[in-house]
Amino acid sequence: MTKKEKMELLLAKVAEEQKAAFVAELREAKSKDEWREVVKKYGIRLSEEEKEAFNAQSNEVSDEDLDAASGGCCVSCSCTDS
């Protein structure tokens, strides 16, 4: 599971009106424990399979991954082409 896929999975579990705040708090999280607390705060429950996928690699998600998963522009999209 890629970092972008992980972020999309989490965002799918957050209410639409909470997504901006959720992403902002994830950006501010400085450790895996803080990151987990944000996920817990928003009531996100992961299946055992999802937990394993998250633990298989780093839980850190870049700002670019957060933007792309939350509907922002991504580096590879055509909107950046002139």
C-alpha atoms as a PDB file:
ATOM      1  CA  MET A   1       0.000   0.000   0.000  1.00  0.00           C
ATOM      2  CA  THR A   2       1.498   3.332  -1.033  1.00  0.00           C
ATOM      3  CA  LYS A   3       1.483   6.364   1.235  1.00  0.00           C
ATOM      4  CA  LYS A   4      -1.098   8.011  -1.015  1.00  0.00           C
ATOM      5  CA  GLU A   5      -3.334   4.938  -0.811  1.00  0.00           C
ATOM      6  CA  LYS A   6      -2.990   4.987   2.975  1.00  0.00           C
ATOM      7  CA  MET A   7      -4.044   8.625   3.107  1.00  0.00           C
ATOM      8  CA  GLU A   8      -6.989   8.003   0.787  1.00  0.00           C
ATOM      9  CA  LEU A   9      -8.101   5.139   3.023  1.00  0.00           C
ATOM     10  CA  LEU A  10      -8.012   7.355   6.103  1.00  0.00           C
ATOM     11  CA  LEU A  11      -9.779  10.240   4.392  1.00  0.00           C
ATOM     12  CA  ALA A  12     -12.551   7.911   3.262  1.00  0.00           C
ATOM     13  CA  LYS A  13     -13.233   7.204   6.938  1.00  0.00           C
ATOM     14  CA  VAL A  14     -13.427  10.877   7.980  1.00  0.00           C
ATOM     15  CA  ALA A  15     -16.612  12.911   7.616  1.00  0.00           C
ATOM     16  CA  GLU A  16     -16.434  15.376   4.707  1.00  0.00           C
ATOM     17  CA  GLU A  17     -16.676  18.461   6.941  1.00  0.00           C
ATOM     18  CA  GLN A  18     -13.773  17.215   9.094  1.00  0.00           C
ATOM     19  CA  LYS A  19     -11.282  16.400   6.324  1.00  0.00           C
ATOM     20  CA  ALA A  20      -9.495  19.770   6.273  1.00  0.00           C
ATOM     21  CA  ALA A  21      -8.991  19.746  10.055  1.00  0.00           C
ATOM     22  CA  PHE A  22      -7.899  16.098   9.972  1.00  0.00           C
ATOM     23  CA  VAL A  23      -5.261  16.764   7.295  1.00  0.00           C
ATOM     24  CA  ALA A  24      -4.037  19.865   9.155  1.00  0.00           C
ATOM     25  CA  GLU A  25      -3.610  17.896  12.380  1.00  0.00           C
ATOM     26  CA  LEU A  26      -1.772  15.091  10.586  1.00  0.00           C
ATOM     27  CA  ARG A  27       0.651  17.667   9.176  1.00  0.00           C
ATOM     28  CA  GLU A  28       1.343  18.961  12.680  1.00  0.00           C
ATOM     29  CA  ALA A  29       1.946  15.506  14.169  1.00  0.00           C
ATOM     30  CA  LYS A  30       5.634  15.161  14.949  1.00  0.00           C
ATOM     31  CA  SER A  31       5.773  11.482  15.861  1.00  0.00           C
ATOM     32  CA  LYS A  32       4.056   8.200  15.113  1.00  0.00           C
ATOM     33  CA  ASP A  33       2.345   8.396  18.512  1.00  0.00           C
ATOM     34  CA  GLU A  34       0.942  11.860  17.738  1.00  0.00           C
ATOM     35  CA  TRP A  35      -0.115  10.623  14.300  1.00  0.00           C
ATOM     36  CA  ARG A  36      -1.964   7.689  15.880  1.00  0.00           C
ATOM     37  CA  GLU A  37      -3.670  10.013  18.367  1.00  0.00           C
ATOM     38  CA  VAL A  38      -5.021  12.153  15.515  1.00  0.00           C
ATOM     39  CA  VAL A  39      -6.369   9.057  13.771  1.00  0.00           C
ATOM     40  CA  LYS A  40      -7.946   7.915  17.045  1.00  0.00           C
ATOM     41  CA  LYS A  41      -9.408  11.377  17.742  1.00  0.00           C
ATOM     42  CA  TYR A  42     -11.340  11.267  14.486  1.00  0.00           C
ATOM     43  CA  GLY A  43     -12.763   7.862  15.338  1.00  0.00           C
ATOM     44  CA  ILE A  44     -11.036   6.051  12.512  1.00  0.00           C
ATOM     45  CA  ARG A  45     -11.108   2.310  12.954  1.00  0.00           C
ATOM     46  CA  LEU A  46      -8.834   0.205  10.814  1.00  0.00           C
ATOM     47  CA  SER A  47      -9.275  -3.469  10.061  1.00  0.00           C
ATOM     48  CA  GLU A  48      -6.436  -5.804  11.040  1.00  0.00           C
ATOM     49  CA  GLU A  49      -5.363  -5.915   7.396  1.00  0.00           C
ATOM     50  CA  GLU A  50      -5.301  -2.098   7.190  1.00  0.00           C
ATOM     51  CA  LYS A  51      -3.302  -1.892  10.432  1.00  0.00           C
ATOM     52  CA  GLU A  52      -0.748  -4.349   9.064  1.00  0.00           C
ATOM     53  CA  ALA A  53      -0.435  -2.329   5.859  1.00  0.00           C
ATOM     54  CA  PHE A  54       0.174   0.861   7.836  1.00  0.00           C
ATOM     55  CA  ASN A  55       2.710  -0.792  10.127  1.00  0.00           C
ATOM     56  CA  ALA A  56       4.579  -2.420   7.241  1.00  0.00           C
ATOM     57  CA  GLN A  57       6.111   0.927   6.297  1.00  0.00           C
ATOM     58  CA  SER A  58       6.554   4.351   7.799  1.00  0.00           C
ATOM     59  CA  ASN A  59       3.362   6.078   8.948  1.00  0.00           C
ATOM     60  CA  GLU A  60       4.712   9.409   7.806  1.00  0.00           C
ATOM     61  CA  VAL A  61       2.867  10.905   4.868  1.00  0.00           C
ATOM     62  CA  SER A  62       4.351  13.816   2.958  1.00  0.00           C
ATOM     63  CA  ASP A  63       2.514  17.105   2.422  1.00  0.00           C
ATOM     64  CA  GLU A  64       2.339  16.226  -1.276  1.00  0.00           C
ATOM     65  CA  ASP A  65       0.665  12.890  -0.471  1.00  0.00           C
ATOM     66  CA  LEU A  66      -1.781  14.640   1.868  1.00  0.00           C
ATOM     67  CA  ASP A  67      -2.631  17.228  -0.789  1.00  0.00           C
ATOM     68  CA  ALA A  68      -3.084  14.642  -3.523  1.00  0.00           C
ATOM     69  CA  ALA A  69      -5.259  12.388  -1.384  1.00  0.00           C
ATOM     70  CA  SER A  70      -7.394  15.235  -0.043  1.00  0.00           C
ATOM     71  CA  GLY A  71      -8.174  16.621  -3.485  1.00  0.00           C
ATOM     72  CA  GLY A  72      -5.299  19.045  -3.871  1.00  0.00           C
ATOM     73  CA  CYS A  73      -3.096  19.185  -6.889  1.00  0.00           C
ATOM     74  CA  CYS A  74      -0.431  16.578  -7.381  1.00  0.00           C
ATOM     75  CA  VAL A  75       2.947  17.070  -8.994  1.00  0.00           C
ATOM     76  CA  SER A  76       2.214  14.754 -11.923  1.00  0.00           C
ATOM     77  CA  CYS A  77      -1.172  16.125 -12.941  1.00  0.00           C
ATOM     78  CA  SER A  78      -1.792  18.084 -16.110  1.00  0.00           C
ATOM     79  CA  CYS A  79      -2.786  21.295 -14.322  1.00  0.00           C
ATOM     80  CA  THR A  80       0.900  22.094 -13.770  1.00  0.00           C
ATOM     81  CA  ASP A  81       1.675  21.829 -17.488  1.00  0.00           C
ATOM     82  CA  SER A  82       1.883  25.125 -19.353  1.00  0.00           C
END
